[in-house]
PDB file of all heavy atoms in Angstrom:
ATOM      1  N   ASN A   1      13.463  -7.067  16.981  1.00  0.00           N
ATOM      2  CA  ASN A   1      12.366  -7.189  17.926  1.00  0.00           C
ATOM      3  C   ASN A   1      12.144  -8.687  18.304  1.00  0.00           C
ATOM      4  O   ASN A   1      11.225  -9.006  19.085  1.00  0.00           O
ATOM      5  CB  ASN A   1      11.052  -6.655  17.337  1.00  0.00           C
ATOM      6  CG  ASN A   1      11.216  -5.144  17.065  1.00  0.00           C
ATOM      7  OD1 ASN A   1      11.850  -4.459  17.872  1.00  0.00           O
ATOM      8  ND2 ASN A   1      10.648  -4.702  15.991  1.00  0.00           N
ATOM      9  N   GLY A   2      12.890  -9.614  17.765  1.00  0.00           N
ATOM     10  CA  GLY A   2      12.724 -11.041  18.066  1.00  0.00           C
ATOM     11  C   GLY A   2      11.518 -11.601  17.527  1.00  0.00           C
ATOM     12  O   GLY A   2      10.975 -12.588  18.005  1.00  0.00           O
ATOM     13  N   GLY A   3      10.992 -10.993  16.447  1.00  0.00           N
ATOM     14  CA  GLY A   3       9.761 -11.458  15.859  1.00  0.00           C
ATOM     15  C   GLY A   3      10.042 -12.682  14.959  1.00  0.00           C
ATOM     16  O   GLY A   3      11.164 -13.076  14.642  1.00  0.00           O
ATOM     17  N   GLN A   4       8.943 -13.389  14.634  1.00  0.00           N
ATOM     18  CA  GLN A   4       8.973 -14.471  13.774  1.00  0.00           C
ATOM     19  C   GLN A   4       8.883 -14.009  12.290  1.00  0.00           C
ATOM     20  O   GLN A   4       8.737 -12.799  12.014  1.00  0.00           O
ATOM     21  CB  GLN A   4       7.858 -15.529  14.071  1.00  0.00           C
ATOM     22  CG  GLN A   4       7.922 -16.122  15.446  1.00  0.00           C
ATOM     23  CD  GLN A   4       9.139 -16.983  15.593  1.00  0.00           C
ATOM     24  OE1 GLN A   4       9.305 -17.988  14.864  1.00  0.00           O
ATOM     25  NE2 GLN A   4      10.031 -16.687  16.551  1.00  0.00           N
ATOM     26  N   GLY A   5       8.963 -14.918  11.409  1.00  0.00           N
ATOM     27  CA  GLY A   5       8.713 -14.610   9.978  1.00  0.00           C
ATOM     28  C   GLY A   5       7.254 -14.198   9.782  1.00  0.00           C
ATOM     29  O   GLY A   5       6.405 -14.371  10.638  1.00  0.00           O
ATOM     30  N   GLN A   6       6.949 -13.656   8.632  1.00  0.00           N
ATOM     31  CA  GLN A   6       5.617 -13.218   8.363  1.00  0.00           C
ATOM     32  C   GLN A   6       5.434 -13.168   6.820  1.00  0.00           C
ATOM     33  O   GLN A   6       6.345 -13.308   6.037  1.00  0.00           O
ATOM     34  CB  GLN A   6       5.307 -11.858   8.949  1.00  0.00           C
ATOM     35  CG  GLN A   6       6.286 -10.760   8.495  1.00  0.00           C
ATOM     36  CD  GLN A   6       5.955  -9.448   9.236  1.00  0.00           C
ATOM     37  OE1 GLN A   6       4.845  -8.949   9.146  1.00  0.00           O
ATOM     38  NE2 GLN A   6       6.956  -8.953  10.028  1.00  0.00           N
ATOM     39  N   VAL A   7       4.183 -12.953   6.463  1.00  0.00           N
ATOM     40  CA  VAL A   7       3.829 -12.875   5.069  1.00  0.00           C
ATOM     41  C   VAL A   7       3.616 -11.445   4.624  1.00  0.00           C
ATOM     42  O   VAL A   7       2.968 -10.638   5.312  1.00  0.00           O
ATOM     43  CB  VAL A   7       2.490 -13.626   4.715  1.00  0.00           C
ATOM     44  CG1 VAL A   7       2.052 -13.521   3.287  1.00  0.00           C
ATOM     45  CG2 VAL A   7       2.652 -15.135   5.160  1.00  0.00           C
ATOM     46  N   ILE A   8       4.188 -11.062   3.505  1.00  0.00           N
ATOM     47  CA  ILE A   8       4.091  -9.768   2.950  1.00  0.00           C
ATOM     48  C   ILE A   8       3.173  -9.855   1.662  1.00  0.00           C
ATOM     49  O   ILE A   8       3.525 -10.525   0.734  1.00  0.00           O
ATOM     50  CB  ILE A   8       5.423  -9.130   2.550  1.00  0.00           C
ATOM     51  CG1 ILE A   8       6.294  -9.072   3.801  1.00  0.00           C
ATOM     52  CG2 ILE A   8       5.251  -7.756   1.928  1.00  0.00           C
ATOM     53  CD1 ILE A   8       7.784  -9.055   3.437  1.00  0.00           C
ATOM     54  N   ASP A   9       2.091  -9.190   1.666  1.00  0.00           N
ATOM     55  CA  ASP A   9       1.017  -9.296   0.613  1.00  0.00           C
ATOM     56  C   ASP A   9       1.054  -7.994  -0.170  1.00  0.00           C
ATOM     57  O   ASP A   9       0.604  -6.964   0.313  1.00  0.00           O
ATOM     58  CB  ASP A   9      -0.344  -9.537   1.219  1.00  0.00           C
ATOM     59  CG  ASP A   9      -1.416  -9.715   0.255  1.00  0.00           C
ATOM     60  OD1 ASP A   9      -1.197  -9.665  -0.970  1.00  0.00           O
ATOM     61  OD2 ASP A   9      -2.580  -9.885   0.722  1.00  0.00           O
ATOM     62  N   VAL A  10       1.575  -8.048  -1.401  1.00  0.00           N
ATOM     63  CA  VAL A  10       1.619  -6.953  -2.275  1.00  0.00           C
ATOM     64  C   VAL A  10       0.745  -7.157  -3.513  1.00  0.00           C
ATOM     65  O   VAL A  10       0.896  -8.150  -4.194  1.00  0.00           O
ATOM     66  CB  VAL A  10       3.084  -6.611  -2.726  1.00  0.00           C
ATOM     67  CG1 VAL A  10       3.086  -5.476  -3.792  1.00  0.00           C
ATOM     68  CG2 VAL A  10       4.012  -6.311  -1.521  1.00  0.00           C
ATOM     69  N   ALA A  11      -0.236  -6.241  -3.644  1.00  0.00           N
ATOM     70  CA  ALA A  11      -1.080  -6.279  -4.897  1.00  0.00           C
ATOM     71  C   ALA A  11      -0.587  -5.239  -5.858  1.00  0.00           C
ATOM     72  O   ALA A  11      -0.232  -4.136  -5.531  1.00  0.00           O
ATOM     73  CB  ALA A  11      -2.534  -6.013  -4.507  1.00  0.00           C
ATOM     74  N   LEU A  12      -0.531  -5.653  -7.136  1.00  0.00           N
ATOM     75  CA  LEU A  12      -0.057  -4.653  -8.160  1.00  0.00           C
ATOM     76  C   LEU A  12      -0.774  -3.330  -8.169  1.00  0.00           C
ATOM     77  O   LEU A  12      -0.183  -2.304  -8.146  1.00  0.00           O
ATOM     78  CB  LEU A  12      -0.143  -5.363  -9.538  1.00  0.00           C
ATOM     79  CG  LEU A  12       0.788  -6.497  -9.887  1.00  0.00           C
ATOM     80  CD1 LEU A  12       0.420  -7.142 -11.152  1.00  0.00           C
ATOM     81  CD2 LEU A  12       2.254  -6.016  -9.927  1.00  0.00           C
ATOM     82  N   HIS A  13      -2.139  -3.411  -8.126  1.00  0.00           N
ATOM     83  CA  HIS A  13      -2.894  -2.183  -8.174  1.00  0.00           C
ATOM     84  C   HIS A  13      -2.659  -1.345  -6.963  1.00  0.00           C
ATOM     85  O   HIS A  13      -2.741  -0.097  -7.019  1.00  0.00           O
ATOM     86  CB  HIS A  13      -4.349  -2.517  -8.415  1.00  0.00           C
ATOM     87  CG  HIS A  13      -5.063  -2.994  -7.211  1.00  0.00           C
ATOM     88  ND1 HIS A  13      -5.059  -4.261  -6.747  1.00  0.00           N
ATOM     89  CD2 HIS A  13      -5.910  -2.337  -6.351  1.00  0.00           C
ATOM     90  CE1 HIS A  13      -5.743  -4.411  -5.679  1.00  0.00           C
ATOM     91  NE2 HIS A  13      -6.284  -3.232  -5.423  1.00  0.00           N
ATOM     92  N   GLU A  14      -2.414  -1.927  -5.775  1.00  0.00           N
ATOM     93  CA  GLU A  14      -2.242  -1.157  -4.572  1.00  0.00           C
ATOM     94  C   GLU A  14      -0.892  -0.504  -4.602  1.00  0.00           C
ATOM     95  O   GLU A  14      -0.788   0.617  -4.095  1.00  0.00           O
ATOM     96  CB  GLU A  14      -2.343  -2.121  -3.366  1.00  0.00           C
ATOM     97  CG  GLU A  14      -3.790  -2.535  -3.095  1.00  0.00           C
ATOM     98  CD  GLU A  14      -3.924  -3.602  -2.087  1.00  0.00           C
ATOM     99  OE1 GLU A  14      -2.876  -4.127  -1.580  1.00  0.00           O
ATOM    100  OE2 GLU A  14      -5.076  -3.942  -1.733  1.00  0.00           O
ATOM    101  N   ALA A  15       0.123  -1.120  -5.175  1.00  0.00           N
ATOM    102  CA  ALA A  15       1.397  -0.516  -5.321  1.00  0.00           C
ATOM    103  C   ALA A  15       1.360   0.784  -6.127  1.00  0.00           C
ATOM    104  O   ALA A  15       1.994   1.820  -5.921  1.00  0.00           O
ATOM    105  CB  ALA A  15       2.483  -1.518  -5.851  1.00  0.00           C
ATOM    106  N   VAL A  16       0.550   0.660  -7.229  1.00  0.00           N
ATOM    107  CA  VAL A  16       0.366   1.799  -8.082  1.00  0.00           C
ATOM    108  C   VAL A  16      -0.478   2.873  -7.380  1.00  0.00           C
ATOM    109  O   VAL A  16      -0.088   4.063  -7.357  1.00  0.00           O
ATOM    110  CB  VAL A  16      -0.380   1.470  -9.411  1.00  0.00           C
ATOM    111  CG1 VAL A  16      -0.759   2.657 -10.202  1.00  0.00           C
ATOM    112  CG2 VAL A  16       0.527   0.469 -10.243  1.00  0.00           C
ATOM    113  N   PHE A  17      -1.516   2.424  -6.752  1.00  0.00           N
ATOM    114  CA  PHE A  17      -2.435   3.451  -6.040  1.00  0.00           C
ATOM    115  C   PHE A  17      -1.639   4.216  -4.908  1.00  0.00           C
ATOM    116  O   PHE A  17      -1.881   5.317  -4.576  1.00  0.00           O
ATOM    117  CB  PHE A  17      -3.578   2.651  -5.406  1.00  0.00           C
ATOM    118  CG  PHE A  17      -4.502   3.483  -4.599  1.00  0.00           C
ATOM    119  CD1 PHE A  17      -5.188   4.586  -5.167  1.00  0.00           C
ATOM    120  CD2 PHE A  17      -4.705   3.192  -3.257  1.00  0.00           C
ATOM    121  CE1 PHE A  17      -6.082   5.374  -4.428  1.00  0.00           C
ATOM    122  CE2 PHE A  17      -5.609   3.953  -2.483  1.00  0.00           C
ATOM    123  CZ  PHE A  17      -6.272   5.042  -3.130  1.00  0.00           C
ATOM    124  N   ASN A  18      -0.615   3.499  -4.282  1.00  0.00           N
ATOM    125  CA  ASN A  18       0.100   4.158  -3.238  1.00  0.00           C
ATOM    126  C   ASN A  18       0.925   5.359  -3.694  1.00  0.00           C
ATOM    127  O   ASN A  18       1.345   6.177  -2.834  1.00  0.00           O
ATOM    128  CB  ASN A  18       1.077   3.080  -2.605  1.00  0.00           C
ATOM    129  CG  ASN A  18       1.563   3.520  -1.241  1.00  0.00           C
ATOM    130  OD1 ASN A  18       0.846   4.151  -0.489  1.00  0.00           O
ATOM    131  ND2 ASN A  18       2.826   3.225  -0.984  1.00  0.00           N
ATOM    132  N   VAL A  19       1.142   5.486  -4.986  1.00  0.00           N
ATOM    133  CA  VAL A  19       1.925   6.656  -5.449  1.00  0.00           C
ATOM    134  C   VAL A  19       1.031   7.657  -6.219  1.00  0.00           C
ATOM    135  O   VAL A  19       1.538   8.510  -6.953  1.00  0.00           O
ATOM    136  CB  VAL A  19       3.087   6.191  -6.342  1.00  0.00           C
ATOM    137  CG1 VAL A  19       4.031   5.300  -5.506  1.00  0.00           C
ATOM    138  CG2 VAL A  19       2.628   5.491  -7.579  1.00  0.00           C
ATOM    139  N   MET A  20      -0.240   7.575  -5.984  1.00  0.00           N
ATOM    140  CA  MET A  20      -1.184   8.448  -6.782  1.00  0.00           C
ATOM    141  C   MET A  20      -1.463   9.800  -6.056  1.00  0.00           C
ATOM    142  O   MET A  20      -2.494  10.370  -6.360  1.00  0.00           O
ATOM    143  CB  MET A  20      -2.493   7.622  -7.069  1.00  0.00           C
ATOM    144  CG  MET A  20      -2.282   6.468  -8.014  1.00  0.00           C
ATOM    145  SD  MET A  20      -1.486   6.870  -9.479  1.00  0.00           S
ATOM    146  CE  MET A  20      -2.632   7.928 -10.256  1.00  0.00           C
ATOM    147  N   GLU A  21      -0.603  10.107  -5.168  1.00  0.00           N
ATOM    148  CA  GLU A  21      -0.640  11.465  -4.536  1.00  0.00           C
ATOM    149  C   GLU A  21      -2.079  11.770  -4.011  1.00  0.00           C
ATOM    150  O   GLU A  21      -2.610  11.013  -3.206  1.00  0.00           O
ATOM    151  CB  GLU A  21      -0.198  12.463  -5.580  1.00  0.00           C
ATOM    152  CG  GLU A  21       1.262  12.157  -6.064  1.00  0.00           C
ATOM    153  CD  GLU A  21       1.704  13.039  -7.176  1.00  0.00           C
ATOM    154  OE1 GLU A  21       0.840  13.847  -7.742  1.00  0.00           O
ATOM    155  OE2 GLU A  21       2.861  12.988  -7.640  1.00  0.00           O
ATOM    156  N   SER A  22      -2.628  12.905  -4.364  1.00  0.00           N
ATOM    157  CA  SER A  22      -3.897  13.341  -3.759  1.00  0.00           C
ATOM    158  C   SER A  22      -5.084  13.016  -4.599  1.00  0.00           C
ATOM    159  O   SER A  22      -6.192  13.609  -4.463  1.00  0.00           O
ATOM    160  CB  SER A  22      -3.872  14.858  -3.567  1.00  0.00           C
ATOM    161  OG  SER A  22      -3.592  15.522  -4.798  1.00  0.00           O
ATOM    162  N   LEU A  23      -4.997  11.933  -5.421  1.00  0.00           N
ATOM    163  CA  LEU A  23      -6.090  11.595  -6.324  1.00  0.00           C
ATOM    164  C   LEU A  23      -7.367  11.361  -5.570  1.00  0.00           C
ATOM    165  O   LEU A  23      -8.376  11.958  -5.909  1.00  0.00           O
ATOM    166  CB  LEU A  23      -5.658  10.303  -7.112  1.00  0.00           C
ATOM    167  CG  LEU A  23      -6.574   9.798  -8.182  1.00  0.00           C
ATOM    168  CD1 LEU A  23      -6.540  10.779  -9.351  1.00  0.00           C
ATOM    169  CD2 LEU A  23      -6.279   8.372  -8.610  1.00  0.00           C
ATOM    170  N   VAL A  24      -7.380  10.470  -4.629  1.00  0.00           N
ATOM    171  CA  VAL A  24      -8.618  10.172  -3.861  1.00  0.00           C
ATOM    172  C   VAL A  24      -8.984  11.305  -2.854  1.00  0.00           C
ATOM    173  O   VAL A  24     -10.193  11.608  -2.677  1.00  0.00           O
ATOM    174  CB  VAL A  24      -8.519   8.800  -3.208  1.00  0.00           C
ATOM    175  CG1 VAL A  24      -9.652   8.573  -2.190  1.00  0.00           C
ATOM    176  CG2 VAL A  24      -8.687   7.730  -4.276  1.00  0.00           C
ATOM    177  N   PRO A  25      -8.021  11.806  -2.105  1.00  0.00           N
ATOM    178  CA  PRO A  25      -8.397  12.918  -1.192  1.00  0.00           C
ATOM    179  C   PRO A  25      -9.099  14.106  -1.923  1.00  0.00           C
ATOM    180  O   PRO A  25     -10.030  14.723  -1.393  1.00  0.00           O
ATOM    181  CB  PRO A  25      -7.054  13.318  -0.600  1.00  0.00           C
ATOM    182  CG  PRO A  25      -6.243  12.142  -0.616  1.00  0.00           C
ATOM    183  CD  PRO A  25      -6.594  11.445  -1.881  1.00  0.00           C
ATOM    184  N   GLU A  26      -8.717  14.400  -3.184  1.00  0.00           N
ATOM    185  CA  GLU A  26      -9.328  15.442  -3.868  1.00  0.00           C
ATOM    186  C   GLU A  26     -10.787  15.070  -4.271  1.00  0.00           C
ATOM    187  O   GLU A  26     -11.650  15.908  -4.222  1.00  0.00           O
ATOM    188  CB  GLU A  26      -8.508  15.758  -5.162  1.00  0.00           C
ATOM    189  CG  GLU A  26      -7.224  16.496  -4.895  1.00  0.00           C
ATOM    190  CD  GLU A  26      -6.298  16.595  -6.123  1.00  0.00           C
ATOM    191  OE1 GLU A  26      -6.736  16.091  -7.227  1.00  0.00           O
ATOM    192  OE2 GLU A  26      -5.236  17.148  -5.999  1.00  0.00           O
ATOM    193  N   TYR A  27     -10.957  13.796  -4.610  1.00  0.00           N
ATOM    194  CA  TYR A  27     -12.323  13.346  -4.823  1.00  0.00           C
ATOM    195  C   TYR A  27     -13.199  13.360  -3.573  1.00  0.00           C
ATOM    196  O   TYR A  27     -14.398  13.797  -3.609  1.00  0.00           O
ATOM    197  CB  TYR A  27     -12.323  11.939  -5.448  1.00  0.00           C
ATOM    198  CG  TYR A  27     -13.631  11.379  -5.704  1.00  0.00           C
ATOM    199  CD1 TYR A  27     -14.513  11.836  -6.715  1.00  0.00           C
ATOM    200  CD2 TYR A  27     -14.137  10.395  -4.938  1.00  0.00           C
ATOM    201  CE1 TYR A  27     -15.728  11.348  -6.973  1.00  0.00           C
ATOM    202  CE2 TYR A  27     -15.437   9.848  -5.116  1.00  0.00           C
ATOM    203  CZ  TYR A  27     -16.247  10.307  -6.158  1.00  0.00           C
ATOM    204  OH  TYR A  27     -17.494   9.904  -6.333  1.00  0.00           O
ATOM    205  N   SER A  28     -12.568  12.939  -2.518  1.00  0.00           N
ATOM    206  CA  SER A  28     -13.310  12.873  -1.244  1.00  0.00           C
ATOM    207  C   SER A  28     -13.710  14.262  -0.753  1.00  0.00           C
ATOM    208  O   SER A  28     -14.842  14.489  -0.325  1.00  0.00           O
ATOM    209  CB  SER A  28     -12.483  12.146  -0.210  1.00  0.00           C
ATOM    210  OG  SER A  28     -13.137  12.145   1.094  1.00  0.00           O
TER     211      SER A  28
END
């Protein structure tokens, strides 16, 4: 796409949370 460089911000807890399936939707 001819884009420039960029910053990738990864938080440890978010990487874990991203694989927690329906944990929060079930609570919601």
